[in-house]
Amino acid sequence: MITIKLPTMIRLKEKNVEFLELTLRSYGALTKLNDIFKKNNAKVIFSIILNEDSQIKSFYVLLLNGSFEDIVKEVKMISEVLSINYGVKNIGNYFISPFTITMNISFIDEKAIIIPSKSLIRSFRALKKRWGLASLVFLYHLGYNYGATLAKKFLENGLSSEKALIMSLEFLKHTGMFKDYDLIMFNSKRGNIVLHVYESVECSSSSGRETSSHFLRGIIGGIVSEIVGKEVTVYETKCIARGDRYCEFIS
């Protein structure tokens, strides 16, 4: 598994961090940029290189041990550099990029937002503490609508029932809802499913006698319901929160 850290907000003891955003005409400029960084004792902490609309977009986080002004002057002299933005917002020992990196989920080509998993779990806990059993219904239906929307997107793109289910599960896996899954059985006509989910974020920080997945259970219910064309209720019969090896969902 590859972990990608987007350092638009970073915390360092050093006080000499700069962000650099460039539009390039060709990949040939990248070698020249690296030579400039090396010459001026600038360490590249992180970089992103993208091909967008026949242009090369590059983003750098630099740890400096010299003059950033000299780097900027030399970069501007590269003929393949079409545009340059740079700077940093400094709050205490936090360094923030002055320009935003927008994330698009390539599976469905939509803009994404990032919510820290611990913050999401704390929100679920606060909801349960305040509203009790009623919150579990709320979480289920919140997930249900999310899952139905997800499956509908893949169905509209021409995927079969089984492939739309797999793509929906892959989407959830790749966006961090769980580490992995095993689809044991799926009947697209009856809406029956047996699904094993490993290391669910929702359940990983819980413990007790009861199953803990209500949001994810709702998501799976929404996916299956949208695929079969009728409302299907999904139940969680095993849960890592109570010591099982995986969370099991059936309908």
C-alpha atoms as a PDB file:
ATOM      1  CA  MET A   1       0.000   0.000   0.000  1.00  0.00           C
ATOM      2  CA  ILE A   2       1.264   3.463  -0.913  1.00  0.00           C
ATOM      3  CA  THR A   3       0.588   6.333   1.473  1.00  0.00           C
ATOM      4  CA  ILE A   4       0.455   9.741  -0.186  1.00  0.00           C
ATOM      5  CA  LYS A   5       0.889  12.762   2.053  1.00  0.00           C
ATOM      6  CA  LEU A   6      -0.170  16.066   0.546  1.00  0.00           C
ATOM      7  CA  PRO A   7       1.920  18.650   2.406  1.00  0.00           C
ATOM      8  CA  THR A   8      -0.238  21.729   1.824  1.00  0.00           C
ATOM      9  CA  MET A   9      -0.040  22.096   5.608  1.00  0.00           C
ATOM     10  CA  ILE A  10       3.129  20.827   7.289  1.00  0.00           C
ATOM     11  CA  ARG A  11       4.720  21.143  10.695  1.00  0.00           C
ATOM     12  CA  LEU A  12       8.495  21.483  10.938  1.00  0.00           C
ATOM     13  CA  LYS A  13      11.020  22.793  13.430  1.00  0.00           C
ATOM     14  CA  GLU A  14      12.910  24.462  10.598  1.00  0.00           C
ATOM     15  CA  LYS A  15      11.850  27.987   9.660  1.00  0.00           C
ATOM     16  CA  ASN A  16      12.946  27.960   6.028  1.00  0.00           C
ATOM     17  CA  VAL A  17      10.215  26.281   3.991  1.00  0.00           C
ATOM     18  CA  GLU A  18       8.833  27.585   0.693  1.00  0.00           C
ATOM     19  CA  PHE A  19       6.138  26.358  -1.702  1.00  0.00           C
ATOM     20  CA  LEU A  20       6.674  26.586  -5.452  1.00  0.00           C
ATOM     21  CA  GLU A  21       4.075  26.038  -8.196  1.00  0.00           C
ATOM     22  CA  LEU A  22       5.076  25.986 -11.868  1.00  0.00           C
ATOM     23  CA  THR A  23       3.558  25.514 -15.306  1.00  0.00           C
ATOM     24  CA  LEU A  24       6.069  24.054 -17.764  1.00  0.00           C
ATOM     25  CA  ARG A  25       6.111  23.654 -21.528  1.00  0.00           C
ATOM     26  CA  SER A  26       7.969  20.339 -21.455  1.00  0.00           C
ATOM     27  CA  TYR A  27       9.432  17.699 -19.156  1.00  0.00           C
ATOM     28  CA  GLY A  28      12.909  18.905 -20.098  1.00  0.00           C
ATOM     29  CA  ALA A  29      12.546  21.740 -17.591  1.00  0.00           C
ATOM     30  CA  LEU A  30      12.412  19.264 -14.687  1.00  0.00           C
ATOM     31  CA  THR A  31      16.102  18.388 -14.972  1.00  0.00           C
ATOM     32  CA  LYS A  32      17.005  22.079 -15.021  1.00  0.00           C
ATOM     33  CA  LEU A  33      14.865  22.690 -11.938  1.00  0.00           C
ATOM     34  CA  ASN A  34      16.552  19.877 -10.027  1.00  0.00           C
ATOM     35  CA  ASP A  35      19.962  21.310 -10.956  1.00  0.00           C
ATOM     36  CA  ILE A  36      18.914  24.726  -9.623  1.00  0.00           C
ATOM     37  CA  PHE A  37      17.640  23.236  -6.352  1.00  0.00           C
ATOM     38  CA  LYS A  38      20.860  21.267  -5.880  1.00  0.00           C
ATOM     39  CA  LYS A  39      23.062  24.251  -6.704  1.00  0.00           C
ATOM     40  CA  ASN A  40      21.268  26.411  -4.114  1.00  0.00           C
ATOM     41  CA  ASN A  41      21.212  23.718  -1.383  1.00  0.00           C
ATOM     42  CA  ALA A  42      17.426  23.363  -1.492  1.00  0.00           C
ATOM     43  CA  LYS A  43      16.039  19.976  -0.459  1.00  0.00           C
ATOM     44  CA  VAL A  44      12.812  18.851  -2.141  1.00  0.00           C
ATOM     45  CA  ILE A  45      10.589  17.583   0.686  1.00  0.00           C
ATOM     46  CA  PHE A  46       7.741  16.775  -1.683  1.00  0.00           C
ATOM     47  CA  SER A  47       6.831  17.240  -5.344  1.00  0.00           C
ATOM     48  CA  ILE A  48       3.904  16.539  -7.652  1.00  0.00           C
ATOM     49  CA  ILE A  49       4.265  16.410 -11.446  1.00  0.00           C
ATOM     50  CA  LEU A  50       1.107  16.333 -13.605  1.00  0.00           C
ATOM     51  CA  ASN A  51       0.328  16.533 -17.316  1.00  0.00           C
ATOM     52  CA  GLU A  52      -2.695  18.789 -17.682  1.00  0.00           C
ATOM     53  CA  ASP A  53      -4.078  20.300 -20.915  1.00  0.00           C
ATOM     54  CA  SER A  54      -0.808  19.654 -22.805  1.00  0.00           C
ATOM     55  CA  GLN A  55       1.146  21.478 -20.101  1.00  0.00           C
ATOM     56  CA  ILE A  56       3.242  20.199 -17.214  1.00  0.00           C
ATOM     57  CA  LYS A  57       2.081  21.275 -13.751  1.00  0.00           C
ATOM     58  CA  SER A  58       4.595  20.896 -10.935  1.00  0.00           C
ATOM     59  CA  PHE A  59       4.363  21.591  -7.200  1.00  0.00           C
ATOM     60  CA  TYR A  60       7.325  21.624  -4.815  1.00  0.00           C
ATOM     61  CA  VAL A  61       7.846  21.958  -1.088  1.00  0.00           C
ATOM     62  CA  LEU A  62      11.414  23.130  -0.529  1.00  0.00           C
ATOM     63  CA  LEU A  63      13.532  23.071   2.615  1.00  0.00           C
ATOM     64  CA  LEU A  64      16.035  25.866   2.124  1.00  0.00           C
ATOM     65  CA  ASN A  65      19.640  26.281   3.132  1.00  0.00           C
ATOM     66  CA  GLY A  66      20.305  29.338   0.998  1.00  0.00           C
ATOM     67  CA  SER A  67      18.582  32.178  -0.844  1.00  0.00           C
ATOM     68  CA  PHE A  68      15.099  31.450  -2.168  1.00  0.00           C
ATOM     69  CA  GLU A  69      15.264  34.687  -4.181  1.00  0.00           C
ATOM     70  CA  ASP A  70      18.215  33.273  -6.134  1.00  0.00           C
ATOM     71  CA  ILE A  71      16.215  30.117  -6.887  1.00  0.00           C
ATOM     72  CA  VAL A  72      13.264  32.155  -8.171  1.00  0.00           C
ATOM     73  CA  LYS A  73      15.512  34.277 -10.407  1.00  0.00           C
ATOM     74  CA  GLU A  74      17.124  31.206 -11.959  1.00  0.00           C
ATOM     75  CA  VAL A  75      13.804  29.402 -12.420  1.00  0.00           C
ATOM     76  CA  LYS A  76      12.361  32.425 -14.255  1.00  0.00           C
ATOM     77  CA  MET A  77      15.260  32.224 -16.712  1.00  0.00           C
ATOM     78  CA  ILE A  78      14.259  28.712 -17.859  1.00  0.00           C
ATOM     79  CA  SER A  79      12.561  29.145 -21.251  1.00  0.00           C
ATOM     80  CA  GLU A  80      10.223  26.181 -20.665  1.00  0.00           C
ATOM     81  CA  VAL A  81       8.720  27.801 -17.545  1.00  0.00           C
ATOM     82  CA  LEU A  82       5.373  29.352 -18.529  1.00  0.00           C
ATOM     83  CA  SER A  83       4.264  30.542 -15.086  1.00  0.00           C
ATOM     84  CA  ILE A  84       5.563  30.597 -11.524  1.00  0.00           C
ATOM     85  CA  ASN A  85       3.847  31.064  -8.164  1.00  0.00           C
ATOM     86  CA  TYR A  86       5.566  30.862  -4.811  1.00  0.00           C
ATOM     87  CA  GLY A  87       5.337  31.786  -1.167  1.00  0.00           C
ATOM     88  CA  VAL A  88       4.353  30.434   2.233  1.00  0.00           C
ATOM     89  CA  LYS A  89       1.928  31.203   5.038  1.00  0.00           C
ATOM     90  CA  ASN A  90       3.622  30.751   8.395  1.00  0.00           C
ATOM     91  CA  ILE A  91       1.612  30.222  11.597  1.00  0.00           C
ATOM     92  CA  GLY A  92       3.880  29.246  14.472  1.00  0.00           C
ATOM     93  CA  ASN A  93       5.803  26.212  13.271  1.00  0.00           C
ATOM     94  CA  TYR A  94       3.118  25.356  10.708  1.00  0.00           C
ATOM     95  CA  PHE A  95       3.758  26.121   7.048  1.00  0.00           C
ATOM     96  CA  ILE A  96       0.767  26.470   4.722  1.00  0.00           C
ATOM     97  CA  SER A  97       0.757  26.563   0.934  1.00  0.00           C
ATOM     98  CA  PRO A  98      -0.592  29.853  -0.481  1.00  0.00           C
ATOM     99  CA  PHE A  99      -2.237  27.922  -3.310  1.00  0.00           C
ATOM    100  CA  THR A 100      -4.699  25.070  -2.975  1.00  0.00           C
ATOM    101  CA  ILE A 101      -4.366  21.583  -4.416  1.00  0.00           C
ATOM    102  CA  THR A 102      -7.817  20.348  -5.438  1.00  0.00           C
ATOM    103  CA  MET A 103      -8.338  16.588  -5.224  1.00  0.00           C
ATOM    104  CA  ASN A 104     -10.505  14.861  -7.807  1.00  0.00           C
ATOM    105  CA  ILE A 105     -11.513  11.231  -7.339  1.00  0.00           C
ATOM    106  CA  SER A 106     -10.504   9.701 -10.648  1.00  0.00           C
ATOM    107  CA  PHE A 107     -13.037   6.848 -10.360  1.00  0.00           C
ATOM    108  CA  ILE A 108     -15.968   9.228 -10.824  1.00  0.00           C
ATOM    109  CA  ASP A 109     -14.143  12.467 -11.675  1.00  0.00           C
ATOM    110  CA  GLU A 110     -15.616  14.494  -8.845  1.00  0.00           C
ATOM    111  CA  LYS A 111     -14.056  16.971  -6.460  1.00  0.00           C
ATOM    112  CA  ALA A 112     -13.303  15.358  -3.101  1.00  0.00           C
ATOM    113  CA  ILE A 113     -13.084  16.653   0.440  1.00  0.00           C
ATOM    114  CA  ILE A 114     -10.810  15.240   3.119  1.00  0.00           C
ATOM    115  CA  ILE A 115     -12.041  14.533   6.640  1.00  0.00           C
ATOM    116  CA  PRO A 116      -9.545  13.030   9.126  1.00  0.00           C
ATOM    117  CA  SER A 117     -10.733   9.545  10.117  1.00  0.00           C
ATOM    118  CA  LYS A 118     -10.390  10.256  13.853  1.00  0.00           C
ATOM    119  CA  SER A 119     -12.516  13.384  13.503  1.00  0.00           C
ATOM    120  CA  LEU A 120     -15.170  11.397  11.657  1.00  0.00           C
ATOM    121  CA  ILE A 121     -15.238   8.722  14.378  1.00  0.00           C
ATOM    122  CA  ARG A 122     -15.443  11.361  17.124  1.00  0.00           C
ATOM    123  CA  SER A 123     -18.415  12.888  15.302  1.00  0.00           C
ATOM    124  CA  PHE A 124     -20.128   9.484  15.177  1.00  0.00           C
ATOM    125  CA  ARG A 125     -19.495   8.979  18.897  1.00  0.00           C
ATOM    126  CA  ALA A 126     -20.827  12.423  19.779  1.00  0.00           C
ATOM    127  CA  LEU A 127     -23.942  11.739  17.728  1.00  0.00           C
ATOM    128  CA  LYS A 128     -24.521   8.410  19.503  1.00  0.00           C
ATOM    129  CA  LYS A 129     -23.945   9.969  22.930  1.00  0.00           C
ATOM    130  CA  ARG A 130     -26.455  12.728  22.288  1.00  0.00           C
ATOM    131  CA  TRP A 131     -29.189  10.867  20.422  1.00  0.00           C
ATOM    132  CA  GLY A 132     -28.718   7.250  21.528  1.00  0.00           C
ATOM    133  CA  LEU A 133     -30.411   4.604  19.395  1.00  0.00           C
ATOM    134  CA  ALA A 134     -31.950   7.249  17.132  1.00  0.00           C
ATOM    135  CA  SER A 135     -28.448   8.182  15.950  1.00  0.00           C
ATOM    136  CA  LEU A 136     -27.885   4.662  14.621  1.00  0.00           C
ATOM    137  CA  VAL A 137     -30.875   5.049  12.306  1.00  0.00           C
ATOM    138  CA  PHE A 138     -29.585   8.435  11.198  1.00  0.00           C
ATOM    139  CA  LEU A 139     -26.112   7.040  10.444  1.00  0.00           C
ATOM    140  CA  TYR A 140     -27.586   4.115   8.505  1.00  0.00           C
ATOM    141  CA  HIS A 141     -29.709   6.335   6.272  1.00  0.00           C
ATOM    142  CA  LEU A 142     -26.887   8.841   5.810  1.00  0.00           C
ATOM    143  CA  GLY A 143     -24.719   5.988   4.558  1.00  0.00           C
ATOM    144  CA  TYR A 144     -27.604   4.503   2.565  1.00  0.00           C
ATOM    145  CA  ASN A 145     -28.009   7.612   0.429  1.00  0.00           C
ATOM    146  CA  TYR A 146     -24.255   7.862  -0.078  1.00  0.00           C
ATOM    147  CA  GLY A 147     -24.065   4.241  -1.221  1.00  0.00           C
ATOM    148  CA  ALA A 148     -27.056   4.578  -3.549  1.00  0.00           C
ATOM    149  CA  THR A 149     -25.547   7.668  -5.176  1.00  0.00           C
ATOM    150  CA  LEU A 150     -22.238   5.862  -5.620  1.00  0.00           C
ATOM    151  CA  ALA A 151     -23.762   2.791  -7.265  1.00  0.00           C
ATOM    152  CA  LYS A 152     -25.999   4.929  -9.488  1.00  0.00           C
ATOM    153  CA  LYS A 153     -22.940   6.725 -10.832  1.00  0.00           C
ATOM    154  CA  PHE A 154     -21.324   3.467 -11.925  1.00  0.00           C
ATOM    155  CA  LEU A 155     -24.563   2.040 -13.335  1.00  0.00           C
ATOM    156  CA  GLU A 156     -25.066   5.195 -15.406  1.00  0.00           C
ATOM    157  CA  ASN A 157     -21.623   4.604 -16.890  1.00  0.00           C
ATOM    158  CA  GLY A 158     -22.792   1.307 -18.336  1.00  0.00           C
ATOM    159  CA  LEU A 159     -21.465  -1.185 -15.796  1.00  0.00           C
ATOM    160  CA  SER A 160     -23.336  -4.407 -15.067  1.00  0.00           C
ATOM    161  CA  SER A 161     -24.798  -5.041 -11.615  1.00  0.00           C
ATOM    162  CA  GLU A 162     -21.836  -7.112 -10.452  1.00  0.00           C
ATOM    163  CA  LYS A 163     -19.255  -4.691 -11.842  1.00  0.00           C
ATOM    164  CA  ALA A 164     -21.045  -1.679 -10.331  1.00  0.00           C
ATOM    165  CA  LEU A 165     -20.910  -3.423  -6.949  1.00  0.00           C
ATOM    166  CA  ILE A 166     -17.195  -4.198  -7.296  1.00  0.00           C
ATOM    167  CA  MET A 167     -16.407  -0.646  -8.407  1.00  0.00           C
ATOM    168  CA  SER A 168     -18.366   0.767  -5.465  1.00  0.00           C
ATOM    169  CA  LEU A 169     -16.446  -1.445  -3.036  1.00  0.00           C
ATOM    170  CA  GLU A 170     -13.144  -0.530  -4.678  1.00  0.00           C
ATOM    171  CA  PHE A 171     -14.048   3.144  -4.362  1.00  0.00           C
ATOM    172  CA  LEU A 172     -14.726   2.732  -0.634  1.00  0.00           C
ATOM    173  CA  LYS A 173     -11.470   0.818  -0.202  1.00  0.00           C
ATOM    174  CA  HIS A 174      -9.380   3.386  -2.056  1.00  0.00           C
ATOM    175  CA  THR A 175     -10.949   6.315  -0.203  1.00  0.00           C
ATOM    176  CA  GLY A 176     -10.069   4.759   3.156  1.00  0.00           C
ATOM    177  CA  MET A 177     -13.349   3.371   4.516  1.00  0.00           C
ATOM    178  CA  PHE A 178     -11.681  -0.012   5.035  1.00  0.00           C
ATOM    179  CA  LYS A 179      -8.427  -1.779   4.215  1.00  0.00           C
ATOM    180  CA  ASP A 180      -9.771  -4.673   2.131  1.00  0.00           C
ATOM    181  CA  TYR A 181     -12.802  -6.861   1.478  1.00  0.00           C
ATOM    182  CA  ASP A 182     -13.937 -10.297   0.284  1.00  0.00           C
ATOM    183  CA  LEU A 183     -17.183 -10.558  -1.659  1.00  0.00           C
ATOM    184  CA  ILE A 184     -18.352 -14.035  -0.662  1.00  0.00           C
ATOM    185  CA  MET A 185     -21.683 -14.018  -2.488  1.00  0.00           C
ATOM    186  CA  PHE A 186     -23.934 -11.636  -4.424  1.00  0.00           C
ATOM    187  CA  ASN A 187     -27.288 -12.330  -6.081  1.00  0.00           C
ATOM    188  CA  SER A 188     -28.228  -9.300  -8.164  1.00  0.00           C
ATOM    189  CA  LYS A 189     -31.808 -10.500  -8.706  1.00  0.00           C
ATOM    190  CA  ARG A 190     -32.697 -11.119  -5.065  1.00  0.00           C
ATOM    191  CA  GLY A 191     -30.391  -8.550  -3.547  1.00  0.00           C
ATOM    192  CA  ASN A 192     -28.598 -11.082  -1.351  1.00  0.00           C
ATOM    193  CA  ILE A 193     -25.017 -10.343  -0.358  1.00  0.00           C
ATOM    194  CA  VAL A 194     -22.380 -11.776   1.963  1.00  0.00           C
ATOM    195  CA  LEU A 195     -19.459  -9.399   2.339  1.00  0.00           C
ATOM    196  CA  HIS A 196     -16.412  -9.495   4.605  1.00  0.00           C
ATOM    197  CA  VAL A 197     -14.735  -6.153   5.332  1.00  0.00           C
ATOM    198  CA  TYR A 198     -11.305  -5.908   6.952  1.00  0.00           C
ATOM    199  CA  GLU A 199     -10.199  -3.053   9.235  1.00  0.00           C
ATOM    200  CA  SER A 200     -13.267  -0.858   8.873  1.00  0.00           C
ATOM    201  CA  VAL A 201     -12.461   2.685  10.025  1.00  0.00           C
ATOM    202  CA  GLU A 202     -15.858   2.974  11.677  1.00  0.00           C
ATOM    203  CA  CYS A 203     -15.353  -0.122  13.843  1.00  0.00           C
ATOM    204  CA  SER A 204     -11.595  -0.095  14.413  1.00  0.00           C
ATOM    205  CA  SER A 205     -11.739   2.209  17.444  1.00  0.00           C
ATOM    206  CA  SER A 206     -14.787   0.593  19.075  1.00  0.00           C
ATOM    207  CA  SER A 207     -15.145  -2.340  21.437  1.00  0.00           C
ATOM    208  CA  GLY A 208     -18.103  -4.052  23.055  1.00  0.00           C
ATOM    209  CA  ARG A 209     -20.689  -6.764  22.642  1.00  0.00           C
ATOM    210  CA  GLU A 210     -22.655  -5.108  19.846  1.00  0.00           C
ATOM    211  CA  THR A 211     -21.772  -4.634  16.187  1.00  0.00           C
ATOM    212  CA  SER A 212     -20.653  -1.059  15.576  1.00  0.00           C
ATOM    213  CA  SER A 213     -20.974  -0.387  11.854  1.00  0.00           C
ATOM    214  CA  HIS A 214     -24.054   1.654  11.010  1.00  0.00           C
ATOM    215  CA  PHE A 215     -22.727   4.198   8.521  1.00  0.00           C
ATOM    216  CA  LEU A 216     -20.852   1.592   6.430  1.00  0.00           C
ATOM    217  CA  ARG A 217     -23.737  -0.857   6.795  1.00  0.00           C
ATOM    218  CA  GLY A 218     -25.973   1.850   5.344  1.00  0.00           C
ATOM    219  CA  ILE A 219     -23.556   2.502   2.489  1.00  0.00           C
ATOM    220  CA  ILE A 220     -23.580  -1.168   1.525  1.00  0.00           C
ATOM    221  CA  GLY A 221     -27.370  -1.250   1.837  1.00  0.00           C
ATOM    222  CA  GLY A 222     -27.663   1.747  -0.481  1.00  0.00           C
ATOM    223  CA  ILE A 223     -25.312   0.204  -3.035  1.00  0.00           C
ATOM    224  CA  VAL A 224     -27.196  -3.098  -3.140  1.00  0.00           C
ATOM    225  CA  SER A 225     -30.611  -1.393  -3.196  1.00  0.00           C
ATOM    226  CA  GLU A 226     -29.675   0.847  -6.123  1.00  0.00           C
ATOM    227  CA  ILE A 227     -28.285  -2.096  -8.072  1.00  0.00           C
ATOM    228  CA  VAL A 228     -31.298  -4.410  -7.598  1.00  0.00           C
ATOM    229  CA  GLY A 229     -33.887  -1.635  -7.915  1.00  0.00           C
ATOM    230  CA  LYS A 230     -35.603  -2.153  -4.564  1.00  0.00           C
ATOM    231  CA  GLU A 231     -34.870  -1.335  -0.934  1.00  0.00           C
ATOM    232  CA  VAL A 232     -32.641  -3.916   0.711  1.00  0.00           C
ATOM    233  CA  THR A 233     -31.708  -3.908   4.396  1.00  0.00           C
ATOM    234  CA  VAL A 234     -28.173  -4.987   5.246  1.00  0.00           C
ATOM    235  CA  TYR A 235     -27.236  -6.472   8.631  1.00  0.00           C
ATOM    236  CA  GLU A 236     -23.846  -6.755  10.304  1.00  0.00           C
ATOM    237  CA  THR A 237     -23.426 -10.239  11.787  1.00  0.00           C
ATOM    238  CA  LYS A 238     -19.734 -10.084  12.708  1.00  0.00           C
ATOM    239  CA  CYS A 239     -17.688  -7.088  13.825  1.00  0.00           C
ATOM    240  CA  ILE A 240     -14.060  -6.391  14.709  1.00  0.00           C
ATOM    241  CA  ALA A 241     -15.346  -4.167  17.531  1.00  0.00           C
ATOM    242  CA  ARG A 242     -16.395  -7.286  19.427  1.00  0.00           C
ATOM    243  CA  GLY A 243     -13.316  -9.333  18.568  1.00  0.00           C
ATOM    244  CA  ASP A 244     -14.191 -10.893  15.202  1.00  0.00           C
ATOM    245  CA  ARG A 245     -11.507 -11.063  12.518  1.00  0.00           C
ATOM    246  CA  TYR A 246     -13.612  -9.053  10.072  1.00  0.00           C
ATOM    247  CA  CYS A 247     -16.947  -7.282   9.779  1.00  0.00           C
ATOM    248  CA  GLU A 248     -19.533  -9.413   7.983  1.00  0.00           C
ATOM    249  CA  PHE A 249     -22.489  -7.859   6.170  1.00  0.00           C
ATOM    250  CA  ILE A 250     -25.408  -9.891   4.856  1.00  0.00           C
ATOM    251  CA  SER A 251     -28.797  -9.231   3.295  1.00  0.00           C
END
